[in-house]
C-alpha atoms as a PDB file:
ATOM      1  CA  MET A   1     140.318 -93.312 -67.132  1.00  0.00           C
ATOM      2  CA  THR A   2     138.257 -90.962 -69.231  1.00  0.00           C
ATOM      3  CA  GLU A   3     139.688 -87.488 -69.628  1.00  0.00           C
ATOM      4  CA  ARG A   4     137.272 -84.668 -68.806  1.00  0.00           C
ATOM      5  CA  ARG A   5     137.497 -81.743 -71.079  1.00  0.00           C
ATOM      6  CA  PRO A   6     136.346 -78.262 -70.071  1.00  0.00           C
ATOM      7  CA  VAL A   7     133.083 -77.163 -71.631  1.00  0.00           C
ATOM      8  CA  PRO A   8     133.847 -74.388 -74.083  1.00  0.00           C
ATOM      9  CA  PHE A   9     132.267 -70.989 -73.383  1.00  0.00           C
ATOM     10  CA  ILE A  10     129.911 -70.118 -76.196  1.00  0.00           C
ATOM     11  CA  ALA A  11     128.971 -66.437 -76.013  1.00  0.00           C
ATOM     12  CA  GLY A  12     126.257 -66.686 -78.616  1.00  0.00           C
ATOM     13  CA  ALA A  13     124.453 -69.408 -76.716  1.00  0.00           C
ATOM     14  CA  VAL A  14     124.396 -67.319 -73.562  1.00  0.00           C
ATOM     15  CA  VAL A  15     122.950 -64.390 -75.465  1.00  0.00           C
ATOM     16  CA  THR A  16     120.313 -66.653 -77.009  1.00  0.00           C
ATOM     17  CA  VAL A  17     119.298 -68.024 -73.626  1.00  0.00           C
ATOM     18  CA  ALA A  18     119.035 -64.481 -72.237  1.00  0.00           C
ATOM     19  CA  ILE A  19     116.841 -63.401 -75.136  1.00  0.00           C
ATOM     20  CA  VAL A  20     114.569 -66.406 -74.704  1.00  0.00           C
ATOM     21  CA  ALA A  21     114.290 -65.738 -70.966  1.00  0.00           C
ATOM     22  CA  SER A  22     113.432 -62.102 -71.612  1.00  0.00           C
ATOM     23  CA  SER A  23     110.779 -63.141 -74.110  1.00  0.00           C
ATOM     24  CA  VAL A  24     109.209 -65.487 -71.589  1.00  0.00           C
ATOM     25  CA  LEU A  25     109.095 -62.706 -69.012  1.00  0.00           C
ATOM     26  CA  LEU A  26     107.423 -60.401 -71.530  1.00  0.00           C
ATOM     27  CA  LEU A  27     104.773 -63.029 -72.193  1.00  0.00           C
ATOM     28  CA  LEU A  28     103.909 -63.386 -68.493  1.00  0.00           C
ATOM     29  CA  PRO A  29     100.756 -61.446 -67.506  1.00  0.00           C
ATOM     30  CA  THR A  30     101.518 -58.125 -65.832  1.00  0.00           C
ATOM     31  CA  ARG A  31      99.978 -57.529 -62.437  1.00  0.00           C
ATOM     32  CA  GLU A  32      97.524 -54.649 -62.404  1.00  0.00           C
ATOM     33  CA  PRO A  33      98.069 -52.025 -59.679  1.00  0.00           C
ATOM     34  CA  GLU A  34      95.767 -52.299 -56.700  1.00  0.00           C
ATOM     35  CA  PRO A  35      92.778 -49.940 -57.008  1.00  0.00           C
ATOM     36  CA  PRO A  36      92.614 -47.231 -54.346  1.00  0.00           C
ATOM     37  CA  PRO A  37      90.426 -48.084 -51.344  1.00  0.00           C
ATOM     38  CA  VAL A  38      86.849 -46.859 -51.637  1.00  0.00           C
ATOM     39  CA  PRO A  39      85.354 -45.326 -48.465  1.00  0.00           C
ATOM     40  CA  GLY A  40      81.950 -46.427 -47.283  1.00  0.00           C
ATOM     41  CA  PRO A  41      79.031 -44.063 -46.707  1.00  0.00           C
ATOM     42  CA  ARG A  42      79.890 -40.991 -44.663  1.00  0.00           C
ATOM     43  CA  PRO A  43      78.790 -41.366 -41.030  1.00  0.00           C
ATOM     44  CA  VAL A  44      76.356 -38.766 -39.716  1.00  0.00           C
ATOM     45  CA  PHE A  45      79.016 -36.704 -37.974  1.00  0.00           C
ATOM     46  CA  GLN A  46      78.099 -34.042 -35.438  1.00  0.00           C
ATOM     47  CA  MET A  47      80.131 -31.051 -34.333  1.00  0.00           C
ATOM     48  CA  PRO A  48      82.738 -32.050 -31.731  1.00  0.00           C
ATOM     49  CA  VAL A  49      81.336 -29.631 -29.151  1.00  0.00           C
ATOM     50  CA  ALA A  50      78.447 -29.463 -26.730  1.00  0.00           C
ATOM     51  CA  CYS A  51      74.793 -29.647 -27.742  1.00  0.00           C
ATOM     52  CA  LYS A  52      73.156 -26.388 -28.920  1.00  0.00           C
ATOM     53  CA  GLU A  53      76.295 -24.287 -28.422  1.00  0.00           C
ATOM     54  CA  ASN A  54      77.205 -21.733 -31.089  1.00  0.00           C
ATOM     55  CA  TRP A  55      80.728 -21.972 -32.483  1.00  0.00           C
ATOM     56  CA  ILE A  56      82.936 -20.126 -34.957  1.00  0.00           C
ATOM     57  CA  LEU A  57      84.640 -22.390 -37.502  1.00  0.00           C
ATOM     58  CA  THR A  58      87.714 -20.784 -39.074  1.00  0.00           C
ATOM     59  CA  THR A  59      90.699 -21.332 -41.334  1.00  0.00           C
ATOM     60  CA  TYR A  60      93.580 -19.265 -42.704  1.00  0.00           C
ATOM     61  CA  PRO A  61      96.214 -19.400 -45.485  1.00  0.00           C
ATOM     62  CA  GLY A  62      98.550 -22.341 -45.043  1.00  0.00           C
ATOM     63  CA  HIS A  63      96.225 -24.137 -42.628  1.00  0.00           C
ATOM     64  CA  ASP A  64      95.554 -26.864 -45.236  1.00  0.00           C
ATOM     65  CA  ASN A  65      92.336 -27.452 -47.123  1.00  0.00           C
ATOM     66  CA  PHE A  66      89.382 -28.654 -45.006  1.00  0.00           C
ATOM     67  CA  ASP A  67      91.146 -28.195 -41.635  1.00  0.00           C
ATOM     68  CA  ILE A  68      88.863 -26.453 -39.127  1.00  0.00           C
ATOM     69  CA  ASP A  69      89.719 -24.441 -36.030  1.00  0.00           C
ATOM     70  CA  PHE A  70      86.859 -24.243 -33.522  1.00  0.00           C
ATOM     71  CA  PHE A  71      86.350 -21.237 -31.237  1.00  0.00           C
ATOM     72  CA  PRO A  72      83.246 -20.688 -29.070  1.00  0.00           C
ATOM     73  CA  ALA A  73      81.046 -17.760 -30.148  1.00  0.00           C
ATOM     74  CA  LYS A  74      81.022 -16.628 -26.529  1.00  0.00           C
ATOM     75  CA  GLY A  75      82.586 -17.568 -23.227  1.00  0.00           C
ATOM     76  CA  ARG A  76      85.968 -18.927 -22.251  1.00  0.00           C
ATOM     77  CA  THR A  77      87.754 -21.290 -24.651  1.00  0.00           C
ATOM     78  CA  TRP A  78      90.198 -22.995 -22.278  1.00  0.00           C
ATOM     79  CA  GLY A  79      88.892 -26.284 -20.933  1.00  0.00           C
ATOM     80  CA  ARG A  80      85.717 -26.563 -22.996  1.00  0.00           C
ATOM     81  CA  PRO A  81      84.720 -30.209 -23.594  1.00  0.00           C
ATOM     82  CA  ILE A  82      85.686 -31.947 -26.847  1.00  0.00           C
ATOM     83  CA  LEU A  83      83.152 -34.584 -27.920  1.00  0.00           C
ATOM     84  CA  ALA A  84      83.286 -37.504 -30.338  1.00  0.00           C
ATOM     85  CA  SER A  85      81.590 -36.606 -33.623  1.00  0.00           C
ATOM     86  CA  ALA A  86      80.336 -40.164 -34.076  1.00  0.00           C
ATOM     87  CA  ALA A  87      80.767 -43.584 -32.540  1.00  0.00           C
ATOM     88  CA  GLY A  88      83.961 -45.475 -33.271  1.00  0.00           C
ATOM     89  CA  GLU A  89      87.232 -46.880 -31.966  1.00  0.00           C
ATOM     90  CA  VAL A  90      90.110 -44.762 -30.707  1.00  0.00           C
ATOM     91  CA  ILE A  91      93.187 -45.550 -32.832  1.00  0.00           C
ATOM     92  CA  GLU A  92      95.480 -42.761 -31.578  1.00  0.00           C
ATOM     93  CA  SER A  93      95.529 -41.105 -28.168  1.00  0.00           C
ATOM     94  CA  GLY A  94      98.392 -39.271 -26.521  1.00  0.00           C
ATOM     95  CA  ILE A  95     101.077 -36.836 -27.625  1.00  0.00           C
ATOM     96  CA  ASN A  96     101.990 -35.908 -31.189  1.00  0.00           C
ATOM     97  CA  GLY A  97     105.112 -33.756 -31.427  1.00  0.00           C
ATOM     98  CA  THR A  98     105.918 -31.726 -28.310  1.00  0.00           C
ATOM     99  CA  LEU A  99     103.518 -30.079 -25.880  1.00  0.00           C
ATOM    100  CA  GLY A 100     105.029 -26.624 -25.459  1.00  0.00           C
ATOM    101  CA  GLU A 101     104.215 -24.582 -22.382  1.00  0.00           C
ATOM    102  CA  ARG A 102     100.969 -22.753 -23.201  1.00  0.00           C
ATOM    103  CA  THR A 103      98.455 -23.114 -20.374  1.00  0.00           C
ATOM    104  CA  PRO A 104      95.540 -21.077 -18.980  1.00  0.00           C
ATOM    105  CA  GLU A 105      97.998 -19.649 -16.440  1.00  0.00           C
ATOM    106  CA  ASN A 106     100.697 -19.006 -19.070  1.00  0.00           C
ATOM    107  CA  PRO A 107      98.847 -18.457 -22.385  1.00  0.00           C
ATOM    108  CA  ASP A 108     101.831 -16.828 -24.105  1.00  0.00           C
ATOM    109  CA  GLY A 109     104.350 -19.531 -23.203  1.00  0.00           C
ATOM    110  CA  PRO A 110     106.590 -21.235 -25.774  1.00  0.00           C
ATOM    111  CA  TYR A 111     104.983 -23.102 -28.664  1.00  0.00           C
ATOM    112  CA  GLY A 112     105.227 -26.840 -28.980  1.00  0.00           C
ATOM    113  CA  THR A 113     105.248 -28.822 -32.221  1.00  0.00           C
ATOM    114  CA  GLY A 114     102.691 -30.995 -33.989  1.00  0.00           C
ATOM    115  CA  ALA A 115      99.265 -31.784 -32.551  1.00  0.00           C
ATOM    116  CA  GLY A 116     100.160 -31.840 -28.858  1.00  0.00           C
ATOM    117  CA  TYR A 117      97.624 -33.919 -26.947  1.00  0.00           C
ATOM    118  CA  TRP A 118      95.328 -35.461 -29.544  1.00  0.00           C
ATOM    119  CA  VAL A 119      92.864 -38.233 -30.405  1.00  0.00           C
ATOM    120  CA  LYS A 120      92.072 -40.030 -33.659  1.00  0.00           C
ATOM    121  CA  ILE A 121      88.930 -42.144 -34.067  1.00  0.00           C
ATOM    122  CA  ASP A 122      88.128 -44.818 -36.659  1.00  0.00           C
ATOM    123  CA  HIS A 123      84.418 -44.709 -37.518  1.00  0.00           C
ATOM    124  CA  GLY A 124      84.436 -47.626 -39.974  1.00  0.00           C
ATOM    125  CA  GLY A 125      84.205 -47.543 -43.742  1.00  0.00           C
ATOM    126  CA  LEU A 126      87.661 -45.861 -43.884  1.00  0.00           C
ATOM    127  CA  TRP A 127      86.317 -42.712 -42.178  1.00  0.00           C
ATOM    128  CA  THR A 128      88.292 -41.097 -39.343  1.00  0.00           C
ATOM    129  CA  THR A 129      88.208 -37.890 -37.306  1.00  0.00           C
ATOM    130  CA  GLN A 130      91.062 -36.085 -35.540  1.00  0.00           C
ATOM    131  CA  TYR A 131      91.010 -33.757 -32.520  1.00  0.00           C
ATOM    132  CA  LEU A 132      94.175 -31.720 -31.802  1.00  0.00           C
ATOM    133  CA  HIS A 133      95.737 -29.374 -29.200  1.00  0.00           C
ATOM    134  CA  MET A 134      93.956 -30.720 -26.110  1.00  0.00           C
ATOM    135  CA  LEU A 135      94.682 -29.098 -22.767  1.00  0.00           C
ATOM    136  CA  GLU A 136      95.750 -32.296 -21.002  1.00  0.00           C
ATOM    137  CA  PRO A 137      96.038 -36.046 -21.624  1.00  0.00           C
ATOM    138  CA  PRO A 138      92.944 -37.387 -23.433  1.00  0.00           C
ATOM    139  CA  MET A 139      90.158 -39.012 -21.431  1.00  0.00           C
ATOM    140  CA  VAL A 140      90.089 -42.017 -23.784  1.00  0.00           C
ATOM    141  CA  GLN A 141      92.697 -44.642 -24.646  1.00  0.00           C
ATOM    142  CA  LYS A 142      93.801 -46.373 -27.834  1.00  0.00           C
ATOM    143  CA  GLY A 143      91.577 -49.366 -28.545  1.00  0.00           C
ATOM    144  CA  GLN A 144      88.639 -47.964 -26.584  1.00  0.00           C
ATOM    145  CA  ARG A 145      85.148 -47.875 -28.065  1.00  0.00           C
ATOM    146  CA  VAL A 146      83.512 -44.437 -27.832  1.00  0.00           C
ATOM    147  CA  GLU A 147      79.990 -43.267 -28.548  1.00  0.00           C
ATOM    148  CA  GLN A 148      78.831 -40.137 -30.334  1.00  0.00           C
ATOM    149  CA  GLY A 149      78.864 -37.253 -27.858  1.00  0.00           C
ATOM    150  CA  GLN A 150      81.305 -38.917 -25.445  1.00  0.00           C
ATOM    151  CA  GLN A 151      83.889 -36.523 -24.032  1.00  0.00           C
ATOM    152  CA  LEU A 152      87.392 -37.094 -25.385  1.00  0.00           C
ATOM    153  CA  GLY A 153      89.221 -34.267 -23.617  1.00  0.00           C
ATOM    154  CA  ARG A 154      89.271 -30.510 -23.128  1.00  0.00           C
ATOM    155  CA  ILE A 155      90.265 -27.633 -25.401  1.00  0.00           C
ATOM    156  CA  GLY A 156      93.773 -26.318 -24.892  1.00  0.00           C
ATOM    157  CA  SER A 157      96.776 -25.043 -26.814  1.00  0.00           C
ATOM    158  CA  THR A 158      99.356 -27.849 -26.769  1.00  0.00           C
ATOM    159  CA  GLY A 159     101.537 -28.559 -29.773  1.00  0.00           C
ATOM    160  CA  LYS A 160     101.936 -25.948 -32.499  1.00  0.00           C
ATOM    161  CA  SER A 161      99.098 -23.699 -31.392  1.00  0.00           C
ATOM    162  CA  GLY A 162      99.005 -19.947 -30.975  1.00  0.00           C
ATOM    163  CA  ALA A 163      95.830 -19.790 -28.892  1.00  0.00           C
ATOM    164  CA  PRO A 164      93.382 -22.209 -27.263  1.00  0.00           C
ATOM    165  CA  HIS A 165      91.190 -23.857 -29.894  1.00  0.00           C
ATOM    166  CA  LEU A 166      90.212 -27.252 -31.305  1.00  0.00           C
ATOM    167  CA  HIS A 167      91.785 -28.237 -34.621  1.00  0.00           C
ATOM    168  CA  TYR A 168      89.464 -30.789 -36.242  1.00  0.00           C
ATOM    169  CA  GLU A 169      89.566 -32.975 -39.370  1.00  0.00           C
ATOM    170  CA  GLN A 170      87.385 -35.523 -41.156  1.00  0.00           C
ATOM    171  CA  ARG A 171      89.179 -37.978 -43.443  1.00  0.00           C
ATOM    172  CA  ALA A 172      88.118 -40.692 -45.901  1.00  0.00           C
ATOM    173  CA  ALA A 173      90.712 -43.358 -46.780  1.00  0.00           C
ATOM    174  CA  GLY A 174      93.331 -41.026 -45.317  1.00  0.00           C
ATOM    175  CA  GLU A 175      92.362 -38.037 -47.458  1.00  0.00           C
ATOM    176  CA  LYS A 176      91.048 -34.852 -45.859  1.00  0.00           C
ATOM    177  CA  MET A 177      87.451 -34.064 -46.792  1.00  0.00           C
ATOM    178  CA  GLU A 178      85.140 -31.130 -46.236  1.00  0.00           C
ATOM    179  CA  ALA A 179      83.592 -31.758 -42.827  1.00  0.00           C
ATOM    180  CA  TYR A 180      79.839 -32.360 -42.680  1.00  0.00           C
ATOM    181  CA  PHE A 181      77.848 -31.888 -39.496  1.00  0.00           C
ATOM    182  CA  ALA A 182      74.334 -33.359 -39.185  1.00  0.00           C
ATOM    183  CA  GLY A 183      74.502 -33.982 -42.937  1.00  0.00           C
ATOM    184  CA  VAL A 184      75.273 -30.332 -43.796  1.00  0.00           C
ATOM    185  CA  PRO A 185      78.595 -29.126 -45.308  1.00  0.00           C
ATOM    186  CA  SER A 186      80.660 -27.092 -42.869  1.00  0.00           C
ATOM    187  CA  GLY A 187      81.589 -24.420 -45.420  1.00  0.00           C
ATOM    188  CA  ILE A 188      85.302 -24.660 -44.609  1.00  0.00           C
ATOM    189  CA  THR A 189      86.936 -25.822 -47.831  1.00  0.00           C
ATOM    190  CA  THR A 190      90.132 -24.183 -49.117  1.00  0.00           C
ATOM    191  CA  ASP A 191      92.801 -22.364 -47.138  1.00  0.00           C
ATOM    192  CA  ASP A 192      93.287 -19.651 -49.767  1.00  0.00           C
ATOM    193  CA  ARG A 193      92.196 -16.901 -47.358  1.00  0.00           C
ATOM    194  CA  GLU A 194      91.141 -16.313 -43.777  1.00  0.00           C
ATOM    195  CA  TYR A 195      87.402 -16.707 -43.256  1.00  0.00           C
ATOM    196  CA  GLU A 196      84.859 -18.110 -40.824  1.00  0.00           C
ATOM    197  CA  VAL A 197      81.397 -19.622 -40.612  1.00  0.00           C
ATOM    198  CA  ARG A 198      79.112 -19.993 -37.611  1.00  0.00           C
ATOM    199  CA  ARG A 199      77.336 -23.209 -36.749  1.00  0.00           C
ATOM    200  CA  THR A 200      75.222 -24.575 -33.876  1.00  0.00           C
ATOM    201  CA  SER A 201      76.088 -27.993 -32.521  1.00  0.00           C
ATOM    202  CA  ALA A 202      73.527 -30.802 -32.719  1.00  0.00           C
ATOM    203  CA  ASN A 203      75.813 -33.214 -30.833  1.00  0.00           C
ATOM    204  CA  CYS A 204      73.053 -34.017 -28.359  1.00  0.00           C
ATOM    205  CA  VAL A 205      73.077 -37.393 -26.669  1.00  0.00           C
ATOM    206  CA  PRO A 206      69.575 -38.914 -26.516  1.00  0.00           C
ATOM    207  CA  LYS A 207      68.233 -39.246 -22.976  1.00  0.00           C
END
C-alpha cells in the first residue's frame, strides 16, 4: 500500500499564481461604457391646450428648469381641456403621489403630493411629454395610442398644486428640455426668477 503524503503548502507559489492571474486580467480588453442614448428629431409639438386660445406660460424659483405652468389668459381655469401635444403612446396614466382635496368647490383644501392625476406620452425617438395636476382621472389609459390634439383630461389642482393649472414638460432621453411649440421655443428656460410669456395655441386638429 502506497503511503500518501500531504502536499506541502508553498506560499511563494500561491503568490506567483495570484500575480500571473492578475496580469492576465490586466491584459484582457476593458469594456467601454455604453454611450448615452441619442434622441431622434424633435416632434413638431403643439401647445397642450385648445386651438387658437391665448395662454400664459409661467415659472418660478425652485420650479425646475424648463417646467411650464399653463394658465388661460382669460376665462375659468378649472376643467379646461388638456390636449396631446403630438401623437404617441400613453406610458403613464393615473395617480402620482396623493391627490389632496383641492376641487372647484373647495379650491383652498389641503394639498396633495406629487403630480396628482397625470399622463405621460412616448412620442418615439426618446421624446416624451408629461401633463400634471389633472382635475379627475385621465381620459386615456396606459398603452393607448393617442393623436395630436386628442383630449387627455381636464385642468385641475391635484397633487402638490396651489391653484388650478397644467404643469407641462418635454423630455428627450429622460432629460428636461426647453419646450417648443409649432417649432418655436417657448421662452421658459431657467427657474432663476418668476416670469411669464404669452403664446397662442396652434393645436388645431385638421378637419
